[in-house]
Amino acid sequence: MAQNNTNYPKGDFINPMDIPLSLAGNFGELRSNHFHSGFDFRTNGEEGYLVKAVADGYVSRIKVSAYGYGNALYITHKNGYVSVYGHLQRYDSIVSNYVFKKQYELESFEVDLFPQKNEIVVKQGQLVALSGNTGGSEGPHLHFEIRDQKTEEIINPYYFGFDIEDTIPPSIEGIAVYPIDQNSKINGSNHTKYYDVKKVGKNSYTLKEAISLSGNIAFGLITYDIENGSANKNGTYSYNLKIDSNQLFNYACNRFAFDQTRYINAHIDYAKMKKNKDRYQRCFVLPGNKIKHYKTDERNGIFEFNDTLNHTITINAIDFKNNYSVFEVKCKSANIKPILSNQKVKDLFQYNKTNQFNKEDVKVELPTNCLYQDVVFKYTKSAGSSKLLSDIHHILNDETPVNQAYSLSIKPKVKALKQKDKLLVVSIDDEGHALSEGGAYENGFVVTKLRSFGNFAVMLDTTAPVVKIMNYNKEKSIFTHDKIALKMTDNLSGIKSYRGTIDGIWVLLQHDNKEKTLTYYFDEKLLKNEGEHIFEVTIIDKKGNLKNLTTKFNY
């Protein structure tokens, strides 16, 4: 039932670790604003497992970041594919020395390096790194990907023969029924209905109640997959929708490009996810959704119930090993006379056009393809607190997803203009907390780019970042544990840059964003002379506020 592609080489790659492979996350799994782009291999909650090259090749990219994949390694192979290893604790000595040298040349912890072809050659099975928890990782594991060298698309690693034991069918945990227009009815109602399902067999589900449908209707589901030996609710590889014997919709996550991954917010019921975290996957395609995971009928999965017959709705959820579950329910089709309306919708923002909204104190400009479907634009404003330097502008709501970034301009109060360079846009959550959205003063407005709707205002950031030394012994004027450990925070706009020196010479401060720390490990090559030294660190936030800390120490 699954659409397993046989064109990929299945014997070229070995496992990247010697431990039994178990998935904490699989390919295409639903994540915040993106489809998961590889396998997350479990490492028993620990760091330091040996990571090996899955095939002969050369190191084509090394990226070090406090965010995303953290310490990441890319190896290009002779068969035209690239293997990617993320959240690494550290690299092997050859790569580590190469990175260390470049970091000092560039005077930057964060580097994105592209060694020359065959500059760093590796053999299949060669140790290349240790597994870790760096970057945006939420726990120790190895993130692993296979990419197409030419297109840079990410491909489901299952296609290359990585064998994960899985005899467990996916689960189906809920069904959604969507009215598509004003003439659509679900049990007489024009509102979306979310149903719990009843399990009636090992892998069979139905509804606890009968439903009647009329007009244009679409469906969605919550589905998860579980592999043997793991309790993680991972992504379901494929699912399809049939009405009677006709297949209307099929989804399968085989490969995708990074510029397509945000279309996940059109793939799921975004509003429902924002309300209560449930991720219903649509069995129909929104007009602005350009992801290539679907095969549909001419109506993109929407079915018109326009007779008085009984119809059978079937949804199959299928994992890569062809384990499957089936949801099936019979429904009554009610032929209801449609409501005719010639009334034009006011303030309709069309997904495939540029849209603008301008007031004296606020401007909104949405580029083409910013939206996934047409939206009725709604705007109000309200007075803000004394900390805010503008009214609060309510732009649609955060339950409407955004694809392309749009421009928001807010006019600040006159008293704020004395410190124009410190102004920024903030979003205001339901509890009244402000979160920086960046921006800069331009022609009377504070202008920023956004990828969400909600409540926005202008604030002033004149507060410098805070930095504290965590391991300094004042009595002995020494740093303990052969390192300098710092805690770094900022109150609003966020950290833009940091720089550390010892006796005026730049030193490598390793940034852990999760822990908000900077760490320098003493290097005897730099500290050749015993005695007193001067450590200095300068931290600048995104509004130019600067914090400088100088400490004398003995070594």
Protein backbone atom coordinates (compact mmCIF):
# COMPACT_ATOMS: atom_id res chain seq x y z
CA MET A 1 0.00 0.00 0.00
CA ALA A 2 2.89 2.39 0.71
CA GLN A 3 4.54 3.93 -2.32
CA ASN A 4 8.05 2.53 -1.78
CA ASN A 5 10.40 3.86 -4.45
CA THR A 6 12.87 1.26 -5.75
CA ASN A 7 15.20 3.68 -7.56
CA TYR A 8 17.40 4.41 -4.54
CA PRO A 9 20.50 2.31 -3.72
CA LYS A 10 19.74 0.10 -0.73
CA GLY A 11 23.17 -1.42 -0.14
CA ASP A 12 25.47 1.59 -0.30
CA PHE A 13 25.09 2.87 3.26
CA ILE A 14 25.81 1.31 6.63
CA ASN A 15 24.26 2.37 9.92
CA PRO A 16 25.82 5.56 11.35
CA MET A 17 26.08 4.02 14.85
CA ASP A 18 26.87 0.54 16.17
CA ILE A 19 23.94 0.47 18.60
CA PRO A 20 20.54 -0.95 17.55
CA LEU A 21 18.69 1.75 15.63
CA SER A 22 15.57 3.13 17.30
CA LEU A 23 13.69 6.26 16.24
CA ALA A 24 12.80 9.17 18.47
CA GLY A 25 11.53 10.93 15.34
CA ASN A 26 11.04 9.83 11.73
CA PHE A 27 11.05 11.46 8.31
CA GLY A 28 8.18 13.84 7.55
CA GLU A 29 7.01 13.97 11.16
CA LEU A 30 4.94 17.05 11.96
CA ARG A 31 6.99 19.70 13.75
CA SER A 32 6.53 23.40 14.45
CA ASN A 33 6.55 25.19 11.06
CA HIS A 34 8.32 22.31 9.31
CA PHE A 35 8.28 18.66 8.35
CA HIS A 36 11.03 16.75 10.12
CA SER A 37 13.80 16.24 7.58
CA GLY A 38 15.41 12.98 8.67
CA PHE A 39 15.69 10.29 11.32
CA ASP A 40 16.31 11.08 14.98
CA PHE A 41 18.20 8.06 16.30
CA ARG A 42 17.83 7.45 20.03
CA THR A 43 21.04 7.35 22.07
CA ASN A 44 19.62 6.07 25.37
CA GLY A 45 19.42 9.59 26.76
CA GLU A 46 23.21 9.92 26.66
CA GLU A 47 25.86 11.72 24.62
CA GLY A 48 29.14 10.39 23.28
CA TYR A 49 28.15 7.47 21.05
CA LEU A 50 30.47 6.85 18.09
CA VAL A 51 29.14 8.31 14.84
CA LYS A 52 30.55 6.81 11.65
CA ALA A 53 30.53 7.73 7.97
CA VAL A 54 27.82 5.68 6.27
CA ALA A 55 29.88 5.42 3.05
CA ASP A 56 33.10 6.59 1.42
CA GLY A 57 33.13 10.28 0.58
CA TYR A 58 34.49 13.66 1.52
CA VAL A 59 33.45 16.29 4.04
CA SER A 60 31.66 18.96 1.99
CA ARG A 61 30.27 21.16 4.76
CA ILE A 62 30.76 21.77 8.47
CA LYS A 63 28.38 24.05 10.32
CA VAL A 64 28.74 25.12 13.94
CA SER A 65 25.80 26.98 15.47
CA ALA A 66 24.15 27.55 18.82
CA TYR A 67 20.84 26.93 17.02
CA GLY A 68 19.35 24.40 14.59
CA TYR A 69 21.55 21.34 14.09
CA GLY A 70 24.25 22.65 16.44
CA ASN A 71 27.48 20.92 15.41
CA ALA A 72 26.62 19.47 12.00
CA LEU A 73 28.65 17.50 9.45
CA TYR A 74 27.90 16.91 5.76
CA ILE A 75 29.57 14.11 3.75
CA THR A 76 29.20 13.91 -0.04
CA HIS A 77 29.28 10.38 -1.46
CA LYS A 78 30.17 8.95 -4.86
CA ASN A 79 26.59 7.81 -5.53
CA GLY A 80 25.29 11.40 -5.69
CA TYR A 81 23.88 11.65 -2.17
CA VAL A 82 24.93 13.60 0.91
CA SER A 83 24.66 12.27 4.46
CA VAL A 84 24.07 14.77 7.27
CA TYR A 85 24.79 14.31 10.98
CA GLY A 86 23.38 16.84 13.45
CA HIS A 87 23.50 17.84 17.15
CA LEU A 88 26.99 16.35 17.45
CA GLN A 89 28.88 16.67 20.72
CA ARG A 90 32.18 17.08 18.87
CA TYR A 91 33.93 16.13 15.64
CA ASP A 92 36.82 13.71 15.16
CA SER A 93 40.31 15.20 15.52
CA ILE A 94 40.87 15.98 11.83
CA VAL A 95 37.60 17.88 11.42
CA SER A 96 37.87 19.40 14.89
CA ASN A 97 41.33 20.83 14.18
CA TYR A 98 40.10 22.18 10.82
CA VAL A 99 37.13 23.91 12.48
CA PHE A 100 39.18 25.26 15.39
CA LYS A 101 41.66 26.88 12.99
CA LYS A 102 38.87 28.47 10.93
CA GLN A 103 37.09 29.78 14.04
CA TYR A 104 40.23 31.61 15.09
CA GLU A 105 40.85 32.91 11.57
CA LEU A 106 37.30 34.25 11.37
CA GLU A 107 37.12 35.14 15.09
CA SER A 108 33.71 33.50 15.34
CA PHE A 109 32.26 30.52 17.19
CA GLU A 110 29.52 30.15 14.58
CA VAL A 111 30.98 29.08 11.24
CA ASP A 112 29.60 27.59 8.03
CA LEU A 113 32.52 25.97 6.22
CA PHE A 114 32.82 24.32 2.81
CA PRO A 115 36.11 22.41 2.49
CA GLN A 116 37.48 21.79 -0.99
CA LYS A 117 36.46 18.54 -2.64
CA ASN A 118 38.57 15.69 -1.25
CA GLU A 119 40.28 18.03 1.24
CA ILE A 120 38.91 15.88 4.07
CA VAL A 121 38.36 12.33 2.77
CA VAL A 122 36.53 9.70 4.85
CA LYS A 123 36.04 5.97 4.47
CA GLN A 124 32.89 3.98 5.19
CA GLY A 125 32.78 3.13 8.89
CA GLN A 126 35.35 5.79 9.83
CA LEU A 127 34.71 7.63 13.09
CA VAL A 128 33.67 11.20 12.24
CA ALA A 129 32.07 12.47 15.46
CA LEU A 130 30.43 11.73 18.79
CA SER A 131 26.68 12.03 19.26
CA GLY A 132 25.46 14.93 21.34
CA ASN A 133 22.78 17.45 22.20
CA THR A 134 23.96 20.71 20.59
CA GLY A 135 21.89 23.36 18.85
CA GLY A 136 18.12 23.18 19.06
CA SER A 137 18.08 19.57 20.24
CA GLU A 138 15.68 18.84 23.10
CA GLY A 139 17.62 15.80 24.31
CA PRO A 140 20.63 13.64 23.33
CA HIS A 141 20.19 11.96 19.95
CA LEU A 142 21.68 11.79 16.46
CA HIS A 143 19.83 13.65 13.72
CA PHE A 144 20.55 11.92 10.40
CA GLU A 145 19.59 12.87 6.84
CA ILE A 146 20.14 11.79 3.25
CA ARG A 147 20.04 14.55 0.62
CA ASP A 148 20.17 14.62 -3.16
CA GLN A 149 23.50 16.27 -4.05
CA LYS A 150 22.11 18.03 -7.14
CA THR A 151 18.74 19.28 -5.91
CA GLU A 152 19.55 19.40 -2.16
CA GLU A 153 16.15 17.82 -1.51
CA ILE A 154 15.90 15.69 1.62
CA ILE A 155 14.90 12.06 1.00
CA ASN A 156 13.24 9.58 3.32
CA PRO A 157 16.17 7.49 4.69
CA TYR A 158 13.99 4.37 4.67
CA TYR A 159 14.53 4.23 0.89
CA PHE A 160 18.22 3.50 1.39
CA GLY A 161 17.75 0.33 3.40
CA PHE A 162 18.06 1.61 6.95
CA ASP A 163 16.10 -1.06 8.75
CA ILE A 164 14.00 -0.12 11.78
CA GLU A 165 11.91 -2.93 13.21
CA ASP A 166 8.25 -2.01 12.89
CA THR A 167 5.31 -4.41 13.05
CA ILE A 168 2.91 -1.98 14.73
CA PRO A 169 0.18 -0.32 12.65
CA PRO A 170 -0.33 3.45 12.89
CA SER A 171 -3.00 4.73 15.22
CA ILE A 172 -5.94 6.92 14.20
CA GLU A 173 -6.98 9.14 17.10
CA GLY A 174 -9.46 11.60 15.65
CA ILE A 175 -11.40 12.62 12.55
CA ALA A 176 -12.28 16.12 11.38
CA VAL A 177 -15.11 17.01 8.98
CA TYR A 178 -14.91 20.41 7.27
CA PRO A 179 -17.72 22.42 5.62
CA ILE A 180 -16.16 24.08 2.58
CA ASP A 181 -18.74 26.80 1.97
CA GLN A 182 -21.96 28.25 3.39
CA ASN A 183 -24.06 25.50 1.81
CA SER A 184 -22.11 22.68 3.48
CA LYS A 185 -23.82 20.94 6.40
CA ILE A 186 -22.56 18.41 8.97
CA ASN A 187 -25.50 17.05 10.93
CA GLY A 188 -27.28 20.26 9.96
CA SER A 189 -24.44 22.55 11.10
CA ASN A 190 -22.13 24.73 9.02
CA HIS A 191 -19.25 24.43 11.52
CA THR A 192 -16.25 22.09 11.49
CA LYS A 193 -16.80 18.97 13.59
CA TYR A 194 -14.05 17.07 15.41
CA TYR A 195 -14.84 13.48 16.35
CA ASP A 196 -13.21 10.98 18.67
CA VAL A 197 -12.95 7.56 17.05
CA LYS A 198 -13.92 4.12 18.36
CA LYS A 199 -11.50 1.24 17.91
CA VAL A 200 -13.32 -1.88 16.68
CA GLY A 201 -10.37 -4.17 15.95
CA LYS A 202 -6.58 -4.42 16.01
CA ASN A 203 -6.30 -1.76 13.34
CA SER A 204 -9.90 -0.72 12.60
CA TYR A 205 -11.69 2.46 13.67
CA THR A 206 -15.11 4.06 13.22
CA LEU A 207 -17.20 6.86 14.72
CA LYS A 208 -19.25 6.54 17.89
CA GLU A 209 -22.17 8.34 16.25
CA ALA A 210 -23.88 8.58 12.89
CA ILE A 211 -23.37 11.61 10.64
CA SER A 212 -25.28 13.17 7.78
CA LEU A 213 -23.51 15.35 5.22
CA SER A 214 -24.59 17.70 2.47
CA GLY A 215 -22.79 20.02 0.08
CA ASN A 216 -19.02 20.31 -0.34
CA ILE A 217 -17.26 18.46 2.47
CA ALA A 218 -13.62 17.62 3.28
CA PHE A 219 -11.94 15.46 5.91
CA GLY A 220 -8.90 15.31 8.16
CA LEU A 221 -7.37 12.97 10.73
CA ILE A 222 -4.97 12.69 13.63
CA THR A 223 -2.60 9.78 13.06
CA TYR A 224 0.66 8.62 14.64
CA ASP A 225 3.06 5.76 14.04
CA ILE A 226 4.99 3.79 16.66
CA GLU A 227 7.99 1.57 15.90
CA ASN A 228 8.92 -1.52 17.91
CA GLY A 229 10.87 -0.78 21.09
CA SER A 230 9.84 2.88 21.24
CA ALA A 231 6.90 4.69 22.78
CA ASN A 232 7.42 7.83 20.68
CA LYS A 233 4.46 8.99 18.63
CA ASN A 234 6.17 9.48 15.28
CA GLY A 235 4.83 10.57 11.91
CA THR A 236 2.67 8.33 9.72
CA TYR A 237 4.28 7.87 6.32
CA SER A 238 1.12 7.84 4.18
CA TYR A 239 -2.67 8.06 4.30
CA ASN A 240 -5.50 8.18 1.77
CA LEU A 241 -9.19 9.02 1.54
CA LYS A 242 -11.86 7.11 -0.35
CA ILE A 243 -15.55 7.88 -0.75
CA ASP A 244 -17.23 4.60 -1.71
CA SER A 245 -14.78 3.06 -4.21
CA ASN A 246 -13.27 6.35 -5.43
CA GLN A 247 -9.91 7.52 -4.07
CA LEU A 248 -10.00 11.30 -3.67
CA PHE A 249 -6.72 11.93 -1.90
CA ASN A 250 -3.36 10.32 -1.16
CA TYR A 251 -0.49 11.66 0.94
CA ALA A 252 3.02 10.18 1.12
CA CYS A 253 6.12 11.91 2.46
CA ASN A 254 8.97 10.77 0.20
CA ARG A 255 11.20 13.82 -0.29
CA PHE A 256 10.98 17.60 -0.16
CA ALA A 257 13.00 20.80 -0.49
CA PHE A 258 13.65 23.10 2.45
CA ASP A 259 11.76 25.95 0.77
CA GLN A 260 8.63 23.74 0.80
CA THR A 261 8.71 22.66 4.42
CA ARG A 262 6.72 25.61 5.83
CA TYR A 263 3.73 24.41 3.81
CA ILE A 264 3.15 22.11 6.77
CA ASN A 265 0.98 24.94 8.11
CA ALA A 266 -1.36 24.42 5.14
CA HIS A 267 -1.12 20.64 5.43
CA ILE A 268 -2.40 20.66 9.02
CA ASP A 269 -5.45 22.30 10.55
CA TYR A 270 -3.38 25.23 11.83
CA ALA A 271 -6.16 26.92 13.80
CA LYS A 272 -6.94 23.72 15.71
CA MET A 273 -3.25 23.22 16.45
CA LYS A 274 -2.95 26.74 17.87
CA LYS A 275 -6.01 26.21 20.07
CA ASN A 276 -5.14 22.90 21.72
CA LYS A 277 -1.96 21.46 20.08
CA ASP A 278 -3.88 18.76 18.12
CA ARG A 279 -2.37 18.26 14.67
CA TYR A 280 -5.16 17.22 12.31
CA GLN A 281 -3.78 16.48 8.84
CA ARG A 282 -5.98 17.52 5.96
CA CYS A 283 -7.27 15.03 3.38
CA PHE A 284 -7.66 17.91 0.94
CA VAL A 285 -5.32 20.57 -0.45
CA LEU A 286 -5.66 24.29 0.23
CA PRO A 287 -5.27 26.41 -2.94
CA GLY A 288 -1.99 28.00 -1.78
CA ASN A 289 -0.36 24.74 -0.67
CA LYS A 290 2.50 23.86 -3.04
CA ILE A 291 4.03 20.88 -1.25
CA LYS A 292 4.43 17.87 -3.55
CA HIS A 293 3.28 15.13 -1.20
CA TYR A 294 -0.19 14.69 -2.69
CA LYS A 295 -2.07 12.80 -5.37
CA THR A 296 -5.69 13.97 -5.61
CA ASP A 297 -8.75 13.94 -7.80
CA GLU A 298 -9.71 17.05 -9.80
CA ARG A 299 -11.34 18.63 -6.71
CA ASN A 300 -8.25 18.20 -4.50
CA GLY A 301 -10.00 15.88 -2.05
CA ILE A 302 -13.30 17.77 -1.63
CA PHE A 303 -16.47 15.70 -2.17
CA GLU A 304 -19.97 17.01 -2.90
CA PHE A 305 -22.72 15.16 -1.07
CA ASN A 306 -25.70 16.08 -3.26
CA ASP A 307 -27.96 13.03 -3.22
CA THR A 308 -29.99 11.04 -0.67
CA LEU A 309 -27.82 7.91 -0.72
CA ASN A 310 -25.62 6.30 1.92
CA HIS A 311 -21.89 6.68 1.33
CA THR A 312 -18.88 4.94 2.85
CA ILE A 313 -15.96 7.10 3.96
CA THR A 314 -12.65 5.23 4.27
CA ILE A 315 -9.30 6.60 5.45
CA ASN A 316 -6.23 4.34 5.45
CA ALA A 317 -3.15 5.25 7.52
CA ILE A 318 0.00 3.41 6.40
CA ASP A 319 3.57 3.27 7.67
CA PHE A 320 6.66 2.58 5.56
CA LYS A 321 6.61 -1.13 6.44
CA ASN A 322 3.06 -1.41 5.07
CA ASN A 323 1.45 -1.79 8.48
CA TYR A 324 -1.89 -0.03 8.15
CA SER A 325 -5.01 1.03 10.02
CA VAL A 326 -8.44 1.72 8.56
CA PHE A 327 -11.09 4.22 9.56
CA GLU A 328 -14.51 3.56 8.01
CA VAL A 329 -17.93 5.04 8.58
CA LYS A 330 -21.18 5.13 6.63
CA CYS A 331 -22.90 8.46 6.32
CA LYS A 332 -26.24 9.70 5.01
CA SER A 333 -26.10 12.26 2.22
CA ALA A 334 -28.77 14.95 2.55
CA ASN A 335 -29.69 16.94 -0.52
CA ILE A 336 -30.37 20.40 0.94
CA LYS A 337 -31.38 23.32 -1.23
CA PRO A 338 -28.42 25.73 -1.46
CA ILE A 339 -28.51 29.25 -0.12
CA LEU A 340 -27.92 31.76 -2.89
CA SER A 341 -26.08 34.95 -2.04
CA ASN A 342 -24.85 37.79 -4.22
CA GLN A 343 -23.26 39.62 -1.30
CA LYS A 344 -19.58 40.44 -1.85
CA VAL A 345 -17.19 39.72 0.96
CA LYS A 346 -15.57 42.90 2.30
CA ASP A 347 -11.81 43.10 2.93
CA LEU A 348 -11.06 39.77 1.27
CA PHE A 349 -7.31 39.14 1.05
CA GLN A 350 -6.59 36.76 -1.83
CA TYR A 351 -3.78 34.25 -1.40
CA ASN A 352 -2.43 34.64 -4.97
CA LYS A 353 -2.30 38.44 -5.00
CA THR A 354 -0.51 41.25 -3.20
CA ASN A 355 -2.69 42.67 -0.40
CA GLN A 356 -2.39 45.96 1.47
CA PHE A 357 -4.05 47.61 4.45
CA ASN A 358 -3.16 51.22 5.30
CA LYS A 359 -4.16 53.46 8.18
CA GLU A 360 -2.59 56.61 9.52
CA ASP A 361 -0.68 54.72 12.21
CA VAL A 362 -0.30 51.23 10.74
CA LYS A 363 0.49 49.64 7.37
CA VAL A 364 0.28 45.98 6.41
CA GLU A 365 1.60 44.61 3.10
CA LEU A 366 1.28 40.93 2.18
CA PRO A 367 3.21 39.66 -0.86
CA THR A 368 1.76 37.14 -3.29
CA ASN A 369 1.54 33.64 -1.79
CA CYS A 370 1.81 34.96 1.76
CA LEU A 371 -1.46 33.14 2.55
CA TYR A 372 -2.56 29.56 1.87
CA GLN A 373 -6.14 30.51 1.05
CA ASP A 374 -8.30 33.64 0.79
CA VAL A 375 -8.84 35.31 4.16
CA VAL A 376 -11.25 37.99 5.36
CA PHE A 377 -8.89 40.62 6.77
CA LYS A 378 -9.80 41.82 10.26
CA TYR A 379 -8.17 44.69 12.12
CA THR A 380 -8.79 46.50 15.41
CA LYS A 381 -6.61 48.42 17.83
CA SER A 382 -6.59 49.08 21.55
CA ALA A 383 -4.69 51.23 24.01
CA GLY A 384 -1.47 49.75 25.32
CA SER A 385 0.25 49.88 28.70
CA SER A 386 2.69 52.59 29.73
CA LYS A 387 5.59 50.43 28.55
CA LEU A 388 4.29 50.48 24.99
CA LEU A 389 5.05 53.37 22.65
CA SER A 390 2.05 52.82 20.37
CA ASP A 391 -1.44 51.40 20.44
CA ILE A 392 -1.76 47.62 20.21
CA HIS A 393 -2.65 46.69 16.63
CA HIS A 394 -4.63 43.47 16.27
CA ILE A 395 -3.79 41.99 12.83
CA LEU A 396 -6.11 39.07 12.05
CA ASN A 397 -5.21 36.44 14.72
CA ASP A 398 -2.49 33.89 15.40
CA GLU A 399 -4.73 31.05 14.17
CA THR A 400 -4.25 32.17 10.55
CA PRO A 401 -0.96 30.75 9.17
CA VAL A 402 1.55 32.79 7.16
CA ASN A 403 3.85 31.40 4.48
CA GLN A 404 5.92 34.28 3.04
CA ALA A 405 7.01 37.05 5.41
CA TYR A 406 4.90 40.20 5.26
CA SER A 407 5.69 43.80 6.18
CA LEU A 408 4.20 45.53 9.23
CA SER A 409 4.76 49.26 9.89
CA ILE A 410 3.61 50.93 13.12
CA LYS A 411 3.84 54.63 13.90
CA PRO A 412 5.34 55.24 17.37
CA LYS A 413 4.33 57.96 19.78
CA VAL A 414 6.12 61.27 19.35
CA LYS A 415 8.00 60.94 22.66
CA ALA A 416 9.74 57.83 21.34
CA LEU A 417 11.44 59.64 18.45
CA LYS A 418 14.33 60.88 20.60
CA GLN A 419 15.76 57.32 20.53
CA LYS A 420 14.74 56.09 17.10
CA ASP A 421 17.53 53.53 16.85
CA LYS A 422 16.25 51.75 19.99
CA LEU A 423 12.68 51.20 18.73
CA LEU A 424 11.36 47.78 17.75
CA VAL A 425 8.09 45.95 17.15
CA VAL A 426 6.87 43.48 19.76
CA SER A 427 4.12 40.88 19.71
CA ILE A 428 1.81 40.75 22.76
CA ASP A 429 0.59 37.34 23.93
CA ASP A 430 -2.65 36.58 25.78
CA GLU A 431 -0.99 37.20 29.15
CA GLY A 432 0.31 40.59 28.04
CA HIS A 433 3.95 39.52 27.68
CA ALA A 434 6.00 41.24 24.97
CA LEU A 435 8.26 39.33 22.56
CA SER A 436 10.67 41.08 20.21
CA GLU A 437 9.82 40.95 16.51
CA GLY A 438 12.73 43.19 15.50
CA GLY A 439 12.42 46.10 13.11
CA ALA A 440 13.91 49.52 12.51
CA TYR A 441 12.69 53.11 12.28
CA GLU A 442 11.97 54.21 8.68
CA ASN A 443 10.15 57.36 7.52
CA GLY A 444 8.00 57.80 10.62
CA PHE A 445 7.24 54.09 11.21
CA VAL A 446 8.90 51.15 12.91
CA VAL A 447 9.02 48.51 10.15
CA THR A 448 9.57 44.78 10.49
CA LYS A 449 8.99 41.50 8.67
CA LEU A 450 6.69 38.90 10.25
CA ARG A 451 5.57 35.32 9.65
CA SER A 452 2.63 35.31 12.01
CA PHE A 453 -0.44 37.41 12.74
CA GLY A 454 -1.50 38.60 16.17
CA ASN A 455 -1.19 41.65 18.42
CA PHE A 456 1.68 44.10 17.84
CA ALA A 457 3.01 47.34 19.27
CA VAL A 458 6.21 49.42 19.52
CA MET A 459 8.62 49.31 22.45
CA LEU A 460 11.97 50.86 23.36
CA ASP A 461 15.01 48.76 24.23
CA THR A 462 17.71 50.73 26.08
CA THR A 463 18.74 47.97 28.49
CA ALA A 464 22.12 46.32 28.01
CA PRO A 465 22.51 42.54 28.13
CA VAL A 466 23.47 40.86 31.41
CA VAL A 467 26.55 38.67 31.74
CA LYS A 468 27.67 36.82 34.87
CA ILE A 469 30.78 34.77 35.61
CA MET A 470 29.80 31.37 36.99
CA ASN A 471 33.11 29.92 38.19
CA TYR A 472 35.37 32.70 39.49
CA ASN A 473 37.15 32.32 42.85
CA LYS A 474 37.61 35.88 44.15
CA GLU A 475 40.01 34.92 46.95
CA LYS A 476 42.47 33.25 44.61
CA SER A 477 41.61 35.32 41.50
CA ILE A 478 41.27 32.16 39.43
CA PHE A 479 38.68 30.49 37.23
CA THR A 480 37.92 26.96 38.42
CA HIS A 481 37.68 23.79 36.31
CA ASP A 482 40.12 25.03 33.61
CA LYS A 483 37.51 27.15 31.87
CA ILE A 484 35.68 30.46 31.92
CA ALA A 485 31.92 29.92 32.26
CA LEU A 486 29.53 32.80 31.63
CA LYS A 487 25.76 33.21 31.76
CA MET A 488 24.42 35.61 29.10
CA THR A 489 20.88 37.01 28.89
CA ASP A 490 19.03 39.92 27.33
CA ASN A 491 15.72 41.46 28.33
CA LEU A 492 14.09 42.12 24.94
CA SER A 493 15.70 42.46 21.49
CA GLY A 494 18.07 39.51 21.88
CA ILE A 495 21.82 39.01 21.61
CA LYS A 496 23.40 40.17 18.35
CA SER A 497 27.08 39.48 19.02
CA TYR A 498 29.64 38.63 21.68
CA ARG A 499 33.43 38.83 21.76
CA GLY A 500 35.91 37.58 24.32
CA THR A 501 39.62 38.34 24.64
CA ILE A 502 42.46 37.39 26.96
CA ASP A 503 45.23 40.01 27.08
CA GLY A 504 43.66 41.58 24.01
CA ILE A 505 43.73 38.37 21.92
CA TRP A 506 40.41 36.92 20.68
CA VAL A 507 39.39 33.64 22.33
CA LEU A 508 36.79 31.05 21.36
CA LEU A 509 33.65 31.32 23.47
CA GLN A 510 31.41 28.34 22.83
CA HIS A 511 27.75 29.36 22.85
CA ASP A 512 25.01 27.09 24.23
CA ASN A 513 21.75 28.90 23.52
CA LYS A 514 19.60 26.43 25.48
CA GLU A 515 21.55 27.10 28.65
CA LYS A 516 22.33 30.76 27.76
CA THR A 517 26.03 30.11 28.41
CA LEU A 518 29.40 31.05 26.93
CA THR A 519 32.35 28.81 27.74
CA TYR A 520 36.07 29.22 27.07
CA TYR A 521 38.32 26.22 27.70
CA PHE A 522 41.88 27.26 28.61
CA ASP A 523 44.42 26.76 25.84
CA GLU A 524 48.04 26.43 26.91
CA LYS A 525 49.19 27.62 23.48
CA LEU A 526 47.52 30.97 24.16
CA LEU A 527 48.32 31.25 27.86
CA LYS A 528 52.05 30.55 27.62
CA ASN A 529 53.03 32.74 30.55
CA GLU A 530 52.04 32.11 34.13
CA GLY A 531 50.82 35.00 36.25
CA GLU A 532 48.11 37.60 35.87
CA HIS A 533 45.95 37.90 32.76
CA ILE A 534 42.99 40.05 31.76
CA PHE A 535 39.79 38.49 30.43
CA GLU A 536 37.33 40.82 28.72
CA VAL A 537 33.96 40.06 27.16
CA THR A 538 31.72 42.45 25.23
CA ILE A 539 28.10 41.60 24.46
CA ILE A 540 25.85 43.66 22.20
CA ASP A 541 22.10 43.22 21.74
CA LYS A 542 20.16 43.79 18.51
CA LYS A 543 19.49 47.42 19.42
CA GLY A 544 23.13 48.25 20.01
CA ASN A 545 23.03 48.17 23.82
CA LEU A 546 26.45 47.07 25.04
CA LYS A 547 27.70 45.25 28.12
CA ASN A 548 31.42 45.00 28.88
CA LEU A 549 32.95 42.85 31.63
CA THR A 550 36.65 42.83 32.54
CA THR A 551 38.22 40.41 35.02
CA LYS A 552 41.80 39.89 36.11
CA PHE A 553 42.81 36.32 36.87
CA ASN A 554 45.85 34.19 37.61
CA TYR A 555 46.80 31.17 35.56
